[in-house]
Amino acid sequence: MEGIKGLMMFSFAGEPVYREFNQGPPEGIESRDWSLFIESLAGMRETDLLFKKGRLYIRRTDIGYLVVLMGRFMPIAMLRLQCDILLPSLKPAKSVKGIRRLFRK
């Protein structure tokens, strides 16, 4: 999507799971300790933080927190829609036991 500068995925312990940026990571972002920030998000489903030079959209998933770095004027409704489409594919696969595995959808 246009306006997205990058995204990061963190475990609930604050460890980076995935990072991707359009033009390289912003200065200093690689060396930061994100664990305290991620701990402060406990119980939060989603949030949108607005700064002078950009925005952060943070969303809780089944495996951790998705952090999207974007420009100030990114349409947040479109980003939410894209996350609603993407996040179900990130859920860990459930193991099916017994005869139920024959009747998978």
PDB file of N, CA and C in Angstrom:
ATOM      1  N   MET A   1       0.835  -1.188   0.000  1.00  0.00           N
ATOM      2  CA  MET A   1       0.000   0.000   0.000  1.00  0.00           C
ATOM      3  C   MET A   1       0.875   1.244   0.000  1.00  0.00           C
ATOM      4  N   GLU A   2       0.456   2.232  -0.705  1.00  0.00           N
ATOM      5  CA  GLU A   2       1.210   3.468  -0.746  1.00  0.00           C
ATOM      6  C   GLU A   2       1.093   4.194   0.589  1.00  0.00           C
ATOM      7  N   GLY A   3       2.180   4.701   1.072  1.00  0.00           N
ATOM      8  CA  GLY A   3       2.199   5.382   2.363  1.00  0.00           C
ATOM      9  C   GLY A   3       2.782   4.529   3.480  1.00  0.00           C
ATOM     10  N   ILE A   4       2.903   3.219   3.246  1.00  0.00           N
ATOM     11  CA  ILE A   4       3.490   2.324   4.239  1.00  0.00           C
ATOM     12  C   ILE A   4       5.009   2.398   4.103  1.00  0.00           C
ATOM     13  N   LYS A   5       5.693   2.677   5.196  1.00  0.00           N
ATOM     14  CA  LYS A   5       7.156   2.762   5.186  1.00  0.00           C
ATOM     15  C   LYS A   5       7.797   1.450   5.594  1.00  0.00           C
ATOM     16  N   GLY A   6       7.079   0.642   6.355  1.00  0.00           N
ATOM     17  CA  GLY A   6       7.615  -0.641   6.781  1.00  0.00           C
ATOM     18  C   GLY A   6       6.718  -1.275   7.817  1.00  0.00           C
ATOM     19  N   LEU A   7       7.064  -2.509   8.158  1.00  0.00           N
ATOM     20  CA  LEU A   7       6.327  -3.181   9.217  1.00  0.00           C
ATOM     21  C   LEU A   7       7.246  -4.088   9.991  1.00  0.00           C
ATOM     22  N   MET A   8       6.846  -4.311  11.231  1.00  0.00           N
ATOM     23  CA  MET A   8       7.604  -5.168  12.126  1.00  0.00           C
ATOM     24  C   MET A   8       6.612  -6.044  12.874  1.00  0.00           C
ATOM     25  N   MET A   9       7.034  -7.252  13.180  1.00  0.00           N
ATOM     26  CA  MET A   9       6.220  -8.172  13.966  1.00  0.00           C
ATOM     27  C   MET A   9       7.030  -8.553  15.184  1.00  0.00           C
ATOM     28  N   PHE A  10       6.415  -8.434  16.364  1.00  0.00           N
ATOM     29  CA  PHE A  10       7.087  -8.744  17.617  1.00  0.00           C
ATOM     30  C   PHE A  10       6.338  -9.837  18.350  1.00  0.00           C
ATOM     31  N   SER A  11       7.081 -10.698  19.039  1.00  0.00           N
ATOM     32  CA  SER A  11       6.455 -11.688  19.910  1.00  0.00           C
ATOM     33  C   SER A  11       5.914 -10.956  21.133  1.00  0.00           C
ATOM     34  N   PHE A  12       5.147 -11.641  21.951  1.00  0.00           N
ATOM     35  CA  PHE A  12       4.612 -11.023  23.162  1.00  0.00           C
ATOM     36  C   PHE A  12       5.716 -10.678  24.159  1.00  0.00           C
ATOM     37  N   ALA A  13       6.894 -11.276  24.011  1.00  0.00           N
ATOM     38  CA  ALA A  13       8.041 -10.964  24.869  1.00  0.00           C
ATOM     39  C   ALA A  13       8.829  -9.755  24.361  1.00  0.00           C
ATOM     40  N   GLY A  14       8.459  -9.223  23.206  1.00  0.00           N
ATOM     41  CA  GLY A  14       9.133  -8.058  22.652  1.00  0.00           C
ATOM     42  C   GLY A  14      10.284  -8.372  21.723  1.00  0.00           C
ATOM     43  N   GLU A  15      10.444  -9.636  21.357  1.00  0.00           N
ATOM     44  CA  GLU A  15      11.510 -10.017  20.441  1.00  0.00           C
ATOM     45  C   GLU A  15      11.029  -9.883  18.999  1.00  0.00           C
ATOM     46  N   PRO A  16      11.858  -9.308  18.127  1.00  0.00           N
ATOM     47  CA  PRO A  16      11.442  -9.149  16.733  1.00  0.00           C
ATOM     48  C   PRO A  16      11.320 -10.505  16.036  1.00  0.00           C
ATOM     49  N   VAL A  17      10.206 -10.678  15.335  1.00  0.00           N
ATOM     50  CA  VAL A  17       9.949 -11.902  14.595  1.00  0.00           C
ATOM     51  C   VAL A  17      10.153 -11.658  13.102  1.00  0.00           C
ATOM     52  N   TYR A  18       9.754 -10.470  12.643  1.00  0.00           N
ATOM     53  CA  TYR A  18       9.841 -10.143  11.214  1.00  0.00           C
ATOM     54  C   TYR A  18       9.971  -8.630  11.069  1.00  0.00           C
ATOM     55  N   ARG A  19      10.769  -8.194  10.089  1.00  0.00           N
ATOM     56  CA  ARG A  19      10.936  -6.773   9.771  1.00  0.00           C
ATOM     57  C   ARG A  19      11.075  -6.607   8.277  1.00  0.00           C
ATOM     58  N   GLU A  20      10.413  -5.600   7.754  1.00  0.00           N
ATOM     59  CA  GLU A  20      10.599  -5.249   6.346  1.00  0.00           C
ATOM     60  C   GLU A  20      10.318  -3.762   6.183  1.00  0.00           C
ATOM     61  N   PHE A  21      11.216  -3.085   5.454  1.00  0.00           N
ATOM     62  CA  PHE A  21      11.097  -1.652   5.238  1.00  0.00           C
ATOM     63  C   PHE A  21      11.231  -1.365   3.760  1.00  0.00           C
ATOM     64  N   ASN A  22      10.567  -0.316   3.281  1.00  0.00           N
ATOM     65  CA  ASN A  22      10.607   0.037   1.862  1.00  0.00           C
ATOM     66  C   ASN A  22      11.972   0.572   1.437  1.00  0.00           C
ATOM     67  N   GLN A  23      12.579   1.422   2.252  1.00  0.00           N
ATOM     68  CA  GLN A  23      13.848   2.049   1.874  1.00  0.00           C
ATOM     69  C   GLN A  23      14.922   1.845   2.918  1.00  0.00           C
ATOM     70  N   GLY A  24      14.917   0.751   3.587  1.00  0.00           N
ATOM     71  CA  GLY A  24      15.874   0.520   4.658  1.00  0.00           C
ATOM     72  C   GLY A  24      15.284   0.979   5.975  1.00  0.00           C
ATOM     73  N   PRO A  25      15.753   0.412   7.069  1.00  0.00           N
ATOM     74  CA  PRO A  25      15.182   0.748   8.371  1.00  0.00           C
ATOM     75  C   PRO A  25      15.503   2.177   8.793  1.00  0.00           C
ATOM     76  N   PRO A  26      14.576   2.819   9.501  1.00  0.00           N
ATOM     77  CA  PRO A  26      14.870   4.154  10.044  1.00  0.00           C
ATOM     78  C   PRO A  26      16.058   4.087  10.996  1.00  0.00           C
ATOM     79  N   GLU A  27      16.762   5.168  11.121  1.00  0.00           N
ATOM     80  CA  GLU A  27      17.978   5.215  11.931  1.00  0.00           C
ATOM     81  C   GLU A  27      17.703   4.820  13.381  1.00  0.00           C
ATOM     82  N   GLY A  28      18.469   3.866  13.883  1.00  0.00           N
ATOM     83  CA  GLY A  28      18.398   3.459  15.269  1.00  0.00           C
ATOM     84  C   GLY A  28      17.339   2.425  15.605  1.00  0.00           C
ATOM     85  N   ILE A  29      16.507   2.072  14.659  1.00  0.00           N
ATOM     86  CA  ILE A  29      15.406   1.158  14.968  1.00  0.00           C
ATOM     87  C   ILE A  29      15.887  -0.277  15.192  1.00  0.00           C
ATOM     88  N   GLU A  30      16.984  -0.640  14.571  1.00  0.00           N
ATOM     89  CA  GLU A  30      17.523  -2.001  14.703  1.00  0.00           C
ATOM     90  C   GLU A  30      18.096  -2.266  16.094  1.00  0.00           C
ATOM     91  N   SER A  31      18.634  -1.235  16.727  1.00  0.00           N
ATOM     92  CA  SER A  31      19.323  -1.434  18.000  1.00  0.00           C
ATOM     93  C   SER A  31      18.426  -1.207  19.223  1.00  0.00           C
ATOM     94  N   ARG A  32      17.190  -0.875  19.009  1.00  0.00           N
ATOM     95  CA  ARG A  32      16.276  -0.600  20.130  1.00  0.00           C
ATOM     96  C   ARG A  32      15.844  -1.879  20.830  1.00  0.00           C
ATOM     97  N   ASP A  33      15.629  -1.743  22.127  1.00  0.00           N
ATOM     98  CA  ASP A  33      15.057  -2.828  22.918  1.00  0.00           C
ATOM     99  C   ASP A  33      13.550  -2.582  22.983  1.00  0.00           C
ATOM    100  N   TRP A  34      12.780  -3.400  22.291  1.00  0.00           N
ATOM    101  CA  TRP A  34      11.345  -3.206  22.160  1.00  0.00           C
ATOM    102  C   TRP A  34      10.547  -3.902  23.265  1.00  0.00           C
ATOM    103  N   SER A  35      11.196  -4.665  24.126  1.00  0.00           N
ATOM    104  CA  SER A  35      10.465  -5.469  25.100  1.00  0.00           C
ATOM    105  C   SER A  35       9.616  -4.625  26.052  1.00  0.00           C
ATOM    106  N   LEU A  36      10.132  -3.517  26.551  1.00  0.00           N
ATOM    107  CA  LEU A  36       9.374  -2.669  27.469  1.00  0.00           C
ATOM    108  C   LEU A  36       8.167  -2.039  26.765  1.00  0.00           C
ATOM    109  N   PHE A  37       8.370  -1.603  25.544  1.00  0.00           N
ATOM    110  CA  PHE A  37       7.271  -1.017  24.765  1.00  0.00           C
ATOM    111  C   PHE A  37       6.171  -2.043  24.518  1.00  0.00           C
ATOM    112  N   ILE A  38       6.553  -3.253  24.139  1.00  0.00           N
ATOM    113  CA  ILE A  38       5.581  -4.309  23.870  1.00  0.00           C
ATOM    114  C   ILE A  38       4.853  -4.708  25.149  1.00  0.00           C
ATOM    115  N   GLU A  39       5.566  -4.762  26.269  1.00  0.00           N
ATOM    116  CA  GLU A  39       4.922  -5.067  27.550  1.00  0.00           C
ATOM    117  C   GLU A  39       3.870  -4.027  27.904  1.00  0.00           C
ATOM    118  N   SER A  40       4.108  -2.776  27.552  1.00  0.00           N
ATOM    119  CA  SER A  40       3.150  -1.713  27.862  1.00  0.00           C
ATOM    120  C   SER A  40       1.865  -1.835  27.044  1.00  0.00           C
ATOM    121  N   LEU A  41       1.883  -2.643  25.995  1.00  0.00           N
ATOM    122  CA  LEU A  41       0.696  -2.835  25.154  1.00  0.00           C
ATOM    123  C   LEU A  41      -0.223  -3.937  25.670  1.00  0.00           C
ATOM    124  N   ALA A  42       0.112  -4.549  26.787  1.00  0.00           N
ATOM    125  CA  ALA A  42      -0.667  -5.672  27.315  1.00  0.00           C
ATOM    126  C   ALA A  42      -2.140  -5.293  27.429  1.00  0.00           C
ATOM    127  N   GLY A  43      -2.998  -6.137  26.880  1.00  0.00           N
ATOM    128  CA  GLY A  43      -4.435  -5.915  26.925  1.00  0.00           C
ATOM    129  C   GLY A  43      -4.966  -5.021  25.825  1.00  0.00           C
ATOM    130  N   MET A  44      -4.121  -4.421  25.028  1.00  0.00           N
ATOM    131  CA  MET A  44      -4.549  -3.530  23.967  1.00  0.00           C
ATOM    132  C   MET A  44      -4.776  -4.318  22.678  1.00  0.00           C
ATOM    133  N   ARG A  45      -5.891  -4.092  22.003  1.00  0.00           N
ATOM    134  CA  ARG A  45      -6.177  -4.785  20.748  1.00  0.00           C
ATOM    135  C   ARG A  45      -5.536  -4.068  19.566  1.00  0.00           C
ATOM    136  N   GLU A  46      -5.726  -2.752  19.504  1.00  0.00           N
ATOM    137  CA  GLU A  46      -5.097  -1.962  18.451  1.00  0.00           C
ATOM    138  C   GLU A  46      -4.971  -0.521  18.901  1.00  0.00           C
ATOM    139  N   THR A  47      -4.016   0.173  18.307  1.00  0.00           N
ATOM    140  CA  THR A  47      -3.823   1.589  18.601  1.00  0.00           C
ATOM    141  C   THR A  47      -3.176   2.265  17.397  1.00  0.00           C
ATOM    142  N   ASP A  48      -3.373   3.542  17.314  1.00  0.00           N
ATOM    143  CA  ASP A  48      -2.819   4.346  16.239  1.00  0.00           C
ATOM    144  C   ASP A  48      -2.123   5.536  16.892  1.00  0.00           C
ATOM    145  N   LEU A  49      -0.810   5.628  16.731  1.00  0.00           N
ATOM    146  CA  LEU A  49      -0.029   6.697  17.349  1.00  0.00           C
ATOM    147  C   LEU A  49       0.422   7.673  16.270  1.00  0.00           C
ATOM    148  N   LEU A  50       0.169   8.952  16.480  1.00  0.00           N
ATOM    149  CA  LEU A  50       0.504   9.993  15.520  1.00  0.00           C
ATOM    150  C   LEU A  50       1.685  10.808  16.044  1.00  0.00           C
ATOM    151  N   PHE A  51       2.719  10.952  15.202  1.00  0.00           N
ATOM    152  CA  PHE A  51       3.913  11.707  15.541  1.00  0.00           C
ATOM    153  C   PHE A  51       4.121  12.809  14.518  1.00  0.00           C
ATOM    154  N   LYS A  52       5.124  13.616  14.739  1.00  0.00           N
ATOM    155  CA  LYS A  52       5.404  14.745  13.852  1.00  0.00           C
ATOM    156  C   LYS A  52       5.748  14.289  12.431  1.00  0.00           C
ATOM    157  N   LYS A  53       6.505  13.203  12.315  1.00  0.00           N
ATOM    158  CA  LYS A  53       6.972  12.755  10.994  1.00  0.00           C
ATOM    159  C   LYS A  53       6.282  11.498  10.482  1.00  0.00           C
ATOM    160  N   GLY A  54       5.324  10.961  11.218  1.00  0.00           N
ATOM    161  CA  GLY A  54       4.665   9.747  10.745  1.00  0.00           C
ATOM    162  C   GLY A  54       3.721   9.169  11.787  1.00  0.00           C
ATOM    163  N   ARG A  55       3.255   7.963  11.495  1.00  0.00           N
ATOM    164  CA  ARG A  55       2.320   7.268  12.365  1.00  0.00           C
ATOM    165  C   ARG A  55       2.756   5.838  12.587  1.00  0.00           C
ATOM    166  N   LEU A  56       2.301   5.286  13.707  1.00  0.00           N
ATOM    167  CA  LEU A  56       2.461   3.862  13.998  1.00  0.00           C
ATOM    168  C   LEU A  56       1.072   3.281  14.199  1.00  0.00           C
ATOM    169  N   TYR A  57       0.788   2.192  13.520  1.00  0.00           N
ATOM    170  CA  TYR A  57      -0.439   1.447  13.752  1.00  0.00           C
ATOM    171  C   TYR A  57      -0.008   0.127  14.368  1.00  0.00           C
ATOM    172  N   ILE A  58      -0.540  -0.188  15.547  1.00  0.00           N
ATOM    173  CA  ILE A  58      -0.144  -1.393  16.270  1.00  0.00           C
ATOM    174  C   ILE A  58      -1.374  -2.256  16.477  1.00  0.00           C
ATOM    175  N   ARG A  59      -1.254  -3.526  16.145  1.00  0.00           N
ATOM    176  CA  ARG A  59      -2.390  -4.441  16.261  1.00  0.00           C
ATOM    177  C   ARG A  59      -1.938  -5.755  16.876  1.00  0.00           C
ATOM    178  N   ARG A  60      -2.711  -6.225  17.832  1.00  0.00           N
ATOM    179  CA  ARG A  60      -2.433  -7.506  18.491  1.00  0.00           C
ATOM    180  C   ARG A  60      -2.877  -8.642  17.568  1.00  0.00           C
ATOM    181  N   THR A  61      -2.054  -9.677  17.498  1.00  0.00           N
ATOM    182  CA  THR A  61      -2.388 -10.870  16.721  1.00  0.00           C
ATOM    183  C   THR A  61      -2.281 -12.083  17.648  1.00  0.00           C
ATOM    184  N   ASP A  62      -2.509 -13.256  17.107  1.00  0.00           N
ATOM    185  CA  ASP A  62      -2.393 -14.474  17.902  1.00  0.00           C
ATOM    186  C   ASP A  62      -0.953 -14.816  18.265  1.00  0.00           C
ATOM    187  N   ILE A  63       0.002 -14.280  17.508  1.00  0.00           N
ATOM    188  CA  ILE A  63       1.402 -14.615  17.753  1.00  0.00           C
ATOM    189  C   ILE A  63       2.230 -13.454  18.283  1.00  0.00           C
ATOM    190  N   GLY A  64       1.644 -12.262  18.402  1.00  0.00           N
ATOM    191  CA  GLY A  64       2.378 -11.111  18.897  1.00  0.00           C
ATOM    192  C   GLY A  64       1.741  -9.817  18.430  1.00  0.00           C
ATOM    193  N   TYR A  65       2.566  -8.793  18.238  1.00  0.00           N
ATOM    194  CA  TYR A  65       2.072  -7.479  17.834  1.00  0.00           C
ATOM    195  C   TYR A  65       2.630  -7.102  16.463  1.00  0.00           C
ATOM    196  N   LEU A  66       1.746  -6.622  15.606  1.00  0.00           N
ATOM    197  CA  LEU A  66       2.112  -6.109  14.301  1.00  0.00           C
ATOM    198  C   LEU A  66       2.235  -4.599  14.424  1.00  0.00           C
ATOM    199  N   VAL A  67       3.390  -4.047  14.033  1.00  0.00           N
ATOM    200  CA  VAL A  67       3.639  -2.607  14.087  1.00  0.00           C
ATOM    201  C   VAL A  67       3.873  -2.136  12.662  1.00  0.00           C
ATOM    202  N   VAL A  68       3.016  -1.213  12.193  1.00  0.00           N
ATOM    203  CA  VAL A  68       3.113  -0.687  10.832  1.00  0.00           C
ATOM    204  C   VAL A  68       3.575   0.756  10.907  1.00  0.00           C
ATOM    205  N   LEU A  69       4.681   1.078  10.225  1.00  0.00           N
ATOM    206  CA  LEU A  69       5.203   2.436  10.143  1.00  0.00           C
ATOM    207  C   LEU A  69       4.663   3.055   8.869  1.00  0.00           C
ATOM    208  N   MET A  70       4.085   4.253   8.975  1.00  0.00           N
ATOM    209  CA  MET A  70       3.471   4.854   7.799  1.00  0.00           C
ATOM    210  C   MET A  70       3.543   6.366   7.860  1.00  0.00           C
ATOM    211  N   GLY A  71       3.200   6.981   6.746  1.00  0.00           N
ATOM    212  CA  GLY A  71       3.143   8.435   6.672  1.00  0.00           C
ATOM    213  C   GLY A  71       1.959   8.963   7.464  1.00  0.00           C
ATOM    214  N   ARG A  72       1.942  10.263   7.702  1.00  0.00           N
ATOM    215  CA  ARG A  72       0.893  10.867   8.528  1.00  0.00           C
ATOM    216  C   ARG A  72      -0.479  10.806   7.891  1.00  0.00           C
ATOM    217  N   PHE A  73      -0.574  10.776   6.583  1.00  0.00           N
ATOM    218  CA  PHE A  73      -1.864  10.889   5.927  1.00  0.00           C
ATOM    219  C   PHE A  73      -2.326   9.589   5.276  1.00  0.00           C
ATOM    220  N   MET A  74      -1.895   8.490   5.809  1.00  0.00           N
ATOM    221  CA  MET A  74      -2.317   7.168   5.343  1.00  0.00           C
ATOM    222  C   MET A  74      -3.752   6.909   5.786  1.00  0.00           C
ATOM    223  N   PRO A  75      -4.636   6.436   4.887  1.00  0.00           N
ATOM    224  CA  PRO A  75      -6.014   6.134   5.304  1.00  0.00           C
ATOM    225  C   PRO A  75      -6.054   4.904   6.218  1.00  0.00           C
ATOM    226  N   ILE A  76      -6.379   5.128   7.478  1.00  0.00           N
ATOM    227  CA  ILE A  76      -6.328   4.070   8.483  1.00  0.00           C
ATOM    228  C   ILE A  76      -7.403   3.006   8.242  1.00  0.00           C
ATOM    229  N   ALA A  77      -8.542   3.382   7.669  1.00  0.00           N
ATOM    230  CA  ALA A  77      -9.595   2.406   7.399  1.00  0.00           C
ATOM    231  C   ALA A  77      -9.123   1.360   6.386  1.00  0.00           C
ATOM    232  N   MET A  78      -8.373   1.775   5.390  1.00  0.00           N
ATOM    233  CA  MET A  78      -7.844   0.847   4.390  1.00  0.00           C
ATOM    234  C   MET A  78      -6.818  -0.087   5.021  1.00  0.00           C
ATOM    235  N   LEU A  79      -6.004   0.440   5.915  1.00  0.00           N
ATOM    236  CA  LEU A  79      -5.007  -0.385   6.601  1.00  0.00           C
ATOM    237  C   LEU A  79      -5.686  -1.425   7.489  1.00  0.00           C
ATOM    238  N   ARG A  80      -6.722  -1.030   8.208  1.00  0.00           N
ATOM    239  CA  ARG A  80      -7.470  -1.982   9.043  1.00  0.00           C
ATOM    240  C   ARG A  80      -8.059  -3.099   8.200  1.00  0.00           C
ATOM    241  N   LEU A  81      -8.621  -2.743   7.056  1.00  0.00           N
ATOM    242  CA  LEU A  81      -9.194  -3.742   6.158  1.00  0.00           C
ATOM    243  C   LEU A  81      -8.130  -4.732   5.695  1.00  0.00           C
ATOM    244  N   GLN A  82      -6.967  -4.240   5.314  1.00  0.00           N
ATOM    245  CA  GLN A  82      -5.878  -5.114   4.873  1.00  0.00           C
ATOM    246  C   GLN A  82      -5.412  -6.024   6.008  1.00  0.00           C
ATOM    247  N   CYS A  83      -5.352  -5.497   7.227  1.00  0.00           N
ATOM    248  CA  CYS A  83      -4.975  -6.322   8.381  1.00  0.00           C
ATOM    249  C   CYS A  83      -6.027  -7.391   8.650  1.00  0.00           C
ATOM    250  N   ASP A  84      -7.307  -7.039   8.517  1.00  0.00           N
ATOM    251  CA  ASP A  84      -8.378  -8.018   8.714  1.00  0.00           C
ATOM    252  C   ASP A  84      -8.263  -9.173   7.717  1.00  0.00           C
ATOM    253  N   ILE A  85      -7.786  -8.880   6.532  1.00  0.00           N
ATOM    254  CA  ILE A  85      -7.607  -9.912   5.499  1.00  0.00           C
ATOM    255  C   ILE A  85      -6.359 -10.739   5.780  1.00  0.00           C
ATOM    256  N   LEU A  86      -5.275 -10.090   6.200  1.00  0.00           N
ATOM    257  CA  LEU A  86      -3.985 -10.753   6.385  1.00  0.00           C
ATOM    258  C   LEU A  86      -3.900 -11.582   7.662  1.00  0.00           C
ATOM    259  N   LEU A  87      -4.389 -11.072   8.766  1.00  0.00           N
ATOM    260  CA  LEU A  87      -4.141 -11.692  10.067  1.00  0.00           C
ATOM    261  C   LEU A  87      -4.659 -13.113  10.219  1.00  0.00           C
ATOM    262  N   PRO A  88      -5.790 -13.502   9.651  1.00  0.00           N
ATOM    263  CA  PRO A  88      -6.197 -14.911   9.781  1.00  0.00           C
ATOM    264  C   PRO A  88      -5.181 -15.896   9.192  1.00  0.00           C
ATOM    265  N   SER A  89      -4.408 -15.466   8.204  1.00  0.00           N
ATOM    266  CA  SER A  89      -3.411 -16.365   7.612  1.00  0.00           C
ATOM    267  C   SER A  89      -2.188 -16.533   8.525  1.00  0.00           C
ATOM    268  N   LEU A  90      -2.020 -15.680   9.531  1.00  0.00           N
ATOM    269  CA  LEU A  90      -0.883 -15.785  10.439  1.00  0.00           C
ATOM    270  C   LEU A  90      -1.152 -16.687  11.635  1.00  0.00           C
ATOM    271  N   LYS A  91      -2.393 -17.134  11.800  1.00  0.00           N
ATOM    272  CA  LYS A  91      -2.720 -17.983  12.942  1.00  0.00           C
ATOM    273  C   LYS A  91      -1.992 -19.305  12.841  1.00  0.00           C
ATOM    274  N   PRO A  92      -1.455 -19.796  13.959  1.00  0.00           N
ATOM    275  CA  PRO A  92      -0.793 -21.100  13.936  1.00  0.00           C
ATOM    276  C   PRO A  92      -1.802 -22.199  13.585  1.00  0.00           C
ATOM    277  N   ALA A  93      -1.356 -23.159  12.811  1.00  0.00           N
ATOM    278  CA  ALA A  93      -2.230 -24.259  12.405  1.00  0.00           C
ATOM    279  C   ALA A  93      -2.547 -25.142  13.602  1.00  0.00           C
ATOM    280  N   LYS A  94      -3.809 -25.516  13.723  1.00  0.00           N
ATOM    281  CA  LYS A  94      -4.228 -26.404  14.799  1.00  0.00           C
ATOM    282  C   LYS A  94      -4.090 -27.839  14.330  1.00  0.00           C
ATOM    283  N   SER A  95      -3.607 -28.698  15.208  1.00  0.00           N
ATOM    284  CA  SER A  95      -3.491 -30.100  14.844  1.00  0.00           C
ATOM    285  C   SER A  95      -4.849 -30.775  15.050  1.00  0.00           C
ATOM    286  N   VAL A  96      -5.214 -31.595  14.114  1.00  0.00           N
ATOM    287  CA  VAL A  96      -6.484 -32.299  14.166  1.00  0.00           C
ATOM    288  C   VAL A  96      -6.183 -33.764  14.421  1.00  0.00           C
ATOM    289  N   LYS A  97      -6.886 -34.328  15.400  1.00  0.00           N
ATOM    290  CA  LYS A  97      -6.633 -35.711  15.769  1.00  0.00           C
ATOM    291  C   LYS A  97      -7.827 -36.588  15.427  1.00  0.00           C
ATOM    292  N   GLY A  98      -7.547 -37.839  15.262  1.00  0.00           N
ATOM    293  CA  GLY A  98      -8.605 -38.831  15.072  1.00  0.00           C
ATOM    294  C   GLY A  98      -9.325 -38.703  13.755  1.00  0.00           C
ATOM    295  N   ILE A  99     -10.582 -39.090  13.762  1.00  0.00           N
ATOM    296  CA  ILE A  99     -11.380 -39.136  12.541  1.00  0.00           C
ATOM    297  C   ILE A  99     -11.740 -37.742  12.028  1.00  0.00           C
ATOM    298  N   ARG A 100     -11.629 -36.714  12.884  1.00  0.00           N
ATOM    299  CA  ARG A 100     -11.963 -35.357  12.471  1.00  0.00           C
ATOM    300  C   ARG A 100     -11.059 -34.860  11.351  1.00  0.00           C
ATOM    301  N   ARG A 101      -9.845 -35.394  11.242  1.00  0.00           N
ATOM    302  CA  ARG A 101      -8.937 -34.924  10.194  1.00  0.00           C
ATOM    303  C   ARG A 101      -9.442 -35.289   8.811  1.00  0.00           C
ATOM    304  N   LEU A 102     -10.319 -36.283   8.692  1.00  0.00           N
ATOM    305  CA  LEU A 102     -10.896 -36.665   7.403  1.00  0.00           C
ATOM    306  C   LEU A 102     -11.943 -35.671   6.925  1.00  0.00           C
ATOM    307  N   PHE A 103     -12.492 -34.902   7.843  1.00  0.00           N
ATOM    308  CA  PHE A 103     -13.580 -33.991   7.507  1.00  0.00           C
ATOM    309  C   PHE A 103     -13.173 -32.528   7.593  1.00  0.00           C
ATOM    310  N   ARG A 104     -11.924 -32.224   7.250  1.00  0.00           N
ATOM    311  CA  ARG A 104     -11.446 -30.855   7.262  1.00  0.00           C
ATOM    312  C   ARG A 104     -12.152 -30.051   6.186  1.00  0.00           C
ATOM    313  N   LYS A 105     -12.258 -28.764   6.425  1.00  0.00           N
ATOM    314  CA  LYS A 105     -12.866 -27.860   5.429  1.00  0.00           C
ATOM    315  C   LYS A 105     -11.861 -27.488   4.382  1.00  0.00           C
TER     316      LYS A 105
END
